[in-house]
Amino acid sequence: MSEGSGKLRVDRLLVERGWGPRKEAQRLIKRGLVCVAGEPPLKRPELKLPHDITLMVAGEVCAPLPKLVAFHKPLHMLSTKRDPWGRAGLDYALPERLREALQPVGRLDAETTGLLLFSSDGALTQRLLHPRRAVERTYLAAVNALPSALKERLSEGVETSLGTFQAELLHAREELSSPLTHTLQELGVSEACAEVCVRVREGKHRMVRRLLHNAGASVLALHRVSFAGLELGELEGGAWRTVALKELTDLS
């Protein structure tokens, strides 16, 4: 069912919007805590309502969940929701209502900062991650060396243990951007000599690090600045915002 079309049972609407599971949603309805603004409380969980209607739950607006959220993942945070060893993960990256309904779109390793997407739409997640879609991802990397002919090496393809991959070198310069300098300070690293900006169309584990290392430019800090054409922009570390699908300019 497409967003904004058709009708759904009110208890299912509540579940989709983060007020589930269904038994809890039904309990809220029976207690008279659910209503359409300005109308008496709803009493029947099987009542069908428009998919995009705005409900109130205990006086709090219960609007449709966003399909996509952008999050600025900080350094050392794992891209998993729950870690059995208690390490910092995505458990509390989003507000409580969104935590179970939205799932991370792929991963960034713990040492990589920057743009991580969350989605409530499984089909959209598959479109973003499927290798055949070749959705672009852009990274800034602080490297320990700037090999000659790096652009040619990356465009021709670099062999790694995961396979041979290509990348587009967008720029290479000695001055580092602020996200990289901040990460290097946190890591206590002072040996970086250059910054490269690369665009890839694969999302395999630590692929950018492997690719640059095998091309002669070992990565000391890595920061993702865009995904599917969506820019991280000025979003601060640990912060999030909702994303309109039209912002994904590289999603066919």
Protein backbone atom coordinates (compact mmCIF):
# COMPACT_ATOMS: atom_id res chain seq x y z
CA MET A 1 0.00 0.00 0.00
CA SER A 2 1.47 3.39 -0.95
CA GLU A 3 1.78 6.18 1.58
CA GLY A 4 -1.36 8.26 1.93
CA SER A 5 -3.68 5.83 0.13
CA GLY A 6 -6.34 3.37 1.31
CA LYS A 7 -7.40 2.63 4.88
CA LEU A 8 -5.98 0.57 7.73
CA ARG A 9 -7.29 -0.73 11.05
CA VAL A 10 -6.57 1.85 13.72
CA ASP A 11 -4.58 -0.64 15.80
CA ARG A 12 -2.35 -1.41 12.82
CA LEU A 13 -1.88 2.31 12.18
CA LEU A 14 -0.65 2.70 15.75
CA VAL A 15 1.78 -0.19 15.35
CA GLU A 16 3.18 1.29 12.12
CA ARG A 17 3.72 4.59 13.90
CA GLY A 18 5.71 3.16 16.78
CA TRP A 19 2.92 2.56 19.31
CA GLY A 20 2.98 -1.24 19.06
CA PRO A 21 2.95 -4.15 19.44
CA ARG A 22 -0.66 -4.63 18.43
CA LYS A 23 -1.85 -5.75 21.88
CA GLU A 24 -0.49 -2.54 23.36
CA ALA A 25 -2.16 -0.52 20.60
CA GLN A 26 -5.48 -2.24 21.30
CA ARG A 27 -5.08 -1.55 25.03
CA LEU A 28 -4.58 2.15 24.33
CA ILE A 29 -7.74 2.22 22.22
CA LYS A 30 -9.84 0.41 24.85
CA ARG A 31 -8.64 2.85 27.51
CA GLY A 32 -9.94 5.74 25.41
CA LEU A 33 -6.51 7.26 24.84
CA VAL A 34 -6.67 7.33 21.03
CA CYS A 35 -8.64 9.88 19.03
CA VAL A 36 -8.68 11.98 15.90
CA ALA A 37 -8.04 15.56 16.97
CA GLY A 38 -11.25 17.28 18.06
CA GLU A 39 -13.32 14.08 18.08
CA PRO A 40 -14.34 11.63 20.84
CA PRO A 41 -11.93 8.79 21.70
CA LEU A 42 -11.95 5.77 19.39
CA LYS A 43 -13.25 2.56 20.94
CA ARG A 44 -12.91 -0.15 18.28
CA PRO A 45 -9.44 -1.36 17.17
CA GLU A 46 -10.92 -2.81 13.95
CA LEU A 47 -12.16 0.60 12.81
CA LYS A 48 -10.50 1.54 9.50
CA LEU A 49 -9.06 4.99 8.95
CA PRO A 50 -7.16 6.73 6.13
CA HIS A 51 -3.50 5.72 6.07
CA ASP A 52 -2.27 9.32 6.40
CA ILE A 53 -4.66 10.51 9.11
CA THR A 54 -3.17 12.23 12.17
CA LEU A 55 -4.14 10.61 15.45
CA MET A 56 -3.67 11.66 19.07
CA VAL A 57 -2.46 9.21 21.72
CA ALA A 58 -2.85 10.44 25.31
CA GLY A 59 -2.76 13.99 23.95
CA GLU A 60 0.41 13.40 21.90
CA VAL A 61 0.36 13.71 18.12
CA CYS A 62 0.78 10.31 16.44
CA ALA A 63 1.73 11.26 12.89
CA PRO A 64 2.90 8.81 10.20
CA LEU A 65 6.48 7.69 10.67
CA PRO A 66 9.10 9.13 8.34
CA LYS A 67 10.23 6.75 5.61
CA LEU A 68 13.81 7.92 5.91
CA VAL A 69 15.99 9.56 8.55
CA ALA A 70 19.55 10.86 8.28
CA PHE A 71 21.83 10.37 11.29
CA HIS A 72 25.37 11.64 11.88
CA LYS A 73 27.15 8.64 13.39
CA PRO A 74 29.87 9.65 15.85
CA LEU A 75 33.24 7.97 16.24
CA HIS A 76 33.32 4.58 18.03
CA MET A 77 29.56 4.02 17.77
CA LEU A 78 28.66 0.58 16.41
CA SER A 79 26.10 0.31 13.60
CA THR A 80 24.08 -2.26 15.54
CA LYS A 81 21.08 -1.65 17.74
CA ARG A 82 22.09 -3.92 20.58
CA ASP A 83 25.58 -5.08 21.49
CA PRO A 84 25.91 -8.11 23.82
CA TRP A 85 29.07 -6.61 25.33
CA GLY A 86 27.42 -3.29 26.13
CA ARG A 87 29.38 -1.19 23.66
CA ALA A 88 27.81 2.03 22.36
CA GLY A 89 25.47 1.30 19.47
CA LEU A 90 22.36 2.67 17.80
CA ASP A 91 20.02 1.78 20.69
CA TYR A 92 19.36 5.43 21.52
CA ALA A 93 20.34 7.12 18.27
CA LEU A 94 16.70 8.02 17.55
CA PRO A 95 13.73 9.01 19.74
CA GLU A 96 11.95 6.12 21.43
CA ARG A 97 8.96 6.13 19.04
CA LEU A 98 11.27 5.62 16.06
CA ARG A 99 13.70 3.04 17.45
CA GLU A 100 11.86 -0.15 16.59
CA ALA A 101 10.12 1.09 13.45
CA LEU A 102 13.23 2.38 11.64
CA GLN A 103 16.18 0.16 10.77
CA PRO A 104 19.69 1.24 9.72
CA VAL A 105 20.37 1.17 5.98
CA GLY A 106 23.65 -0.72 5.90
CA ARG A 107 26.49 -0.01 8.32
CA LEU A 108 29.50 2.14 9.01
CA ASP A 109 32.35 0.58 10.97
CA ALA A 110 33.00 1.90 14.47
CA GLU A 111 35.94 4.08 13.36
CA THR A 112 33.99 5.70 10.50
CA THR A 113 31.88 8.79 11.12
CA GLY A 114 29.23 10.51 9.05
CA LEU A 115 25.97 9.85 7.26
CA LEU A 116 23.99 6.76 8.23
CA LEU A 117 20.41 6.36 7.00
CA PHE A 118 17.48 4.76 8.81
CA SER A 119 14.39 3.55 6.96
CA SER A 120 10.91 2.34 7.89
CA ASP A 121 10.38 0.99 4.36
CA GLY A 122 11.96 -2.39 3.60
CA ALA A 123 11.58 -1.99 -0.15
CA LEU A 124 13.34 1.38 -0.03
CA THR A 125 16.17 -0.14 2.02
CA GLN A 126 16.64 -2.86 -0.60
CA ARG A 127 16.75 -0.28 -3.39
CA LEU A 128 19.43 1.65 -1.55
CA LEU A 129 21.58 -1.38 -0.76
CA HIS A 130 21.19 -3.75 -3.71
CA PRO A 131 24.48 -4.01 -5.66
CA ARG A 132 22.69 -3.80 -9.01
CA ARG A 133 21.45 -0.33 -8.11
CA ALA A 134 25.07 0.87 -7.71
CA VAL A 135 23.95 3.71 -5.43
CA GLU A 136 26.75 6.20 -4.88
CA ARG A 137 28.44 6.86 -1.53
CA THR A 138 30.96 9.66 -1.04
CA TYR A 139 33.68 9.69 1.63
CA LEU A 140 36.40 11.99 2.91
CA ALA A 141 39.52 10.15 4.03
CA ALA A 142 42.63 11.33 5.84
CA VAL A 143 45.50 9.29 4.40
CA ASN A 144 49.15 8.81 5.28
CA ALA A 145 50.37 9.23 1.72
CA LEU A 146 49.20 10.58 -1.61
CA PRO A 147 50.49 8.21 -4.31
CA SER A 148 51.05 9.44 -7.81
CA ALA A 149 48.49 8.29 -10.37
CA LEU A 150 45.98 7.56 -7.55
CA LYS A 151 43.08 8.74 -9.69
CA GLU A 152 44.01 6.32 -12.47
CA ARG A 153 44.51 3.41 -10.07
CA LEU A 154 41.11 3.92 -8.50
CA SER A 155 39.27 4.35 -11.79
CA GLU A 156 40.91 1.24 -13.30
CA GLY A 157 40.02 -0.89 -10.29
CA VAL A 158 41.93 -1.97 -7.18
CA GLU A 159 42.11 -5.60 -6.10
CA THR A 160 41.17 -6.34 -2.48
CA SER A 161 40.34 -9.47 -0.50
CA LEU A 162 36.66 -8.72 -1.21
CA GLY A 163 37.16 -8.39 -4.96
CA THR A 164 38.26 -5.70 -7.39
CA PHE A 165 36.53 -2.33 -7.04
CA GLN A 166 36.59 1.02 -8.74
CA ALA A 167 36.26 4.47 -7.24
CA GLU A 168 36.13 8.03 -8.50
CA LEU A 169 38.66 10.42 -6.99
CA LEU A 170 36.85 13.77 -6.61
CA HIS A 171 39.73 15.67 -5.03
CA ALA A 172 43.07 15.24 -3.26
CA ARG A 173 44.64 17.99 -1.18
CA GLU A 174 46.93 18.61 1.78
CA GLU A 175 44.37 20.59 3.81
CA LEU A 176 42.02 18.43 5.90
CA SER A 177 38.33 19.14 6.40
CA SER A 178 37.09 19.73 9.95
CA PRO A 179 35.34 16.34 10.40
CA LEU A 180 38.63 14.58 9.70
CA THR A 181 40.74 16.81 11.94
CA HIS A 182 38.24 16.31 14.76
CA THR A 183 38.36 12.51 14.35
CA LEU A 184 42.16 12.47 14.24
CA GLN A 185 42.26 14.50 17.46
CA GLU A 186 39.91 12.02 19.14
CA LEU A 187 42.07 9.14 17.95
CA GLY A 188 45.28 10.85 19.01
CA VAL A 189 46.68 10.60 15.46
CA SER A 190 48.93 13.34 14.02
CA GLU A 191 50.54 11.71 10.99
CA ALA A 192 47.96 12.39 8.25
CA CYS A 193 49.43 14.13 5.24
CA ALA A 194 46.51 14.53 2.86
CA GLU A 195 42.78 14.34 2.31
CA VAL A 196 41.09 12.49 -0.52
CA CYS A 197 37.43 12.51 -1.46
CA VAL A 198 36.23 9.36 -3.20
CA ARG A 199 32.92 8.17 -4.59
CA VAL A 200 32.11 4.47 -4.67
CA ARG A 201 29.09 2.43 -5.73
CA GLU A 202 29.59 -0.57 -3.45
CA GLY A 203 28.90 -0.91 0.25
CA LYS A 204 30.96 -3.90 1.34
CA HIS A 205 32.51 -4.04 4.81
CA ARG A 206 35.50 -1.65 5.14
CA MET A 207 35.76 -1.56 1.37
CA VAL A 208 36.91 2.08 1.11
CA ARG A 209 39.68 1.47 3.64
CA ARG A 210 40.83 -1.67 1.82
CA LEU A 211 40.65 -0.01 -1.59
CA LEU A 212 42.70 3.06 -0.62
CA HIS A 213 45.21 0.99 1.35
CA ASN A 214 45.85 -1.30 -1.61
CA ALA A 215 46.22 1.76 -3.83
CA GLY A 216 48.98 3.03 -1.54
CA ALA A 217 47.06 5.48 0.65
CA SER A 218 46.28 3.96 4.06
CA VAL A 219 43.27 5.53 5.77
CA LEU A 220 43.73 7.17 9.18
CA ALA A 221 40.22 8.66 9.43
CA LEU A 222 37.10 8.14 7.31
CA HIS A 223 33.92 10.21 7.09
CA ARG A 224 30.88 9.59 4.86
CA VAL A 225 29.49 12.84 3.48
CA SER A 226 26.74 11.60 1.15
CA PHE A 227 24.62 8.58 0.22
CA ALA A 228 22.40 8.36 -2.87
CA GLY A 229 22.98 12.06 -3.46
CA LEU A 230 21.79 13.01 0.02
CA GLU A 231 24.34 15.28 1.72
CA LEU A 232 25.15 15.12 5.43
CA GLY A 233 25.56 18.89 5.39
CA GLU A 234 25.72 20.68 8.74
CA LEU A 235 24.08 17.90 10.75
CA GLU A 236 26.10 17.61 13.96
CA GLY A 237 27.49 14.39 15.39
CA GLY A 238 24.76 12.37 17.12
CA ALA A 239 21.97 14.45 15.55
CA TRP A 240 19.27 13.27 13.12
CA ARG A 241 16.67 14.70 10.75
CA THR A 242 13.86 13.39 8.56
CA VAL A 243 14.58 13.12 4.84
CA ALA A 244 12.26 13.70 1.89
CA LEU A 245 12.63 11.05 -0.82
CA LYS A 246 13.21 13.77 -3.42
CA GLU A 247 16.54 14.48 -1.67
CA LEU A 248 17.82 11.08 -2.88
CA THR A 249 19.01 12.27 -6.25
CA ASP A 250 20.88 9.02 -7.06
CA LEU A 251 17.97 6.59 -6.50
CA SER A 252 16.43 5.34 -9.74
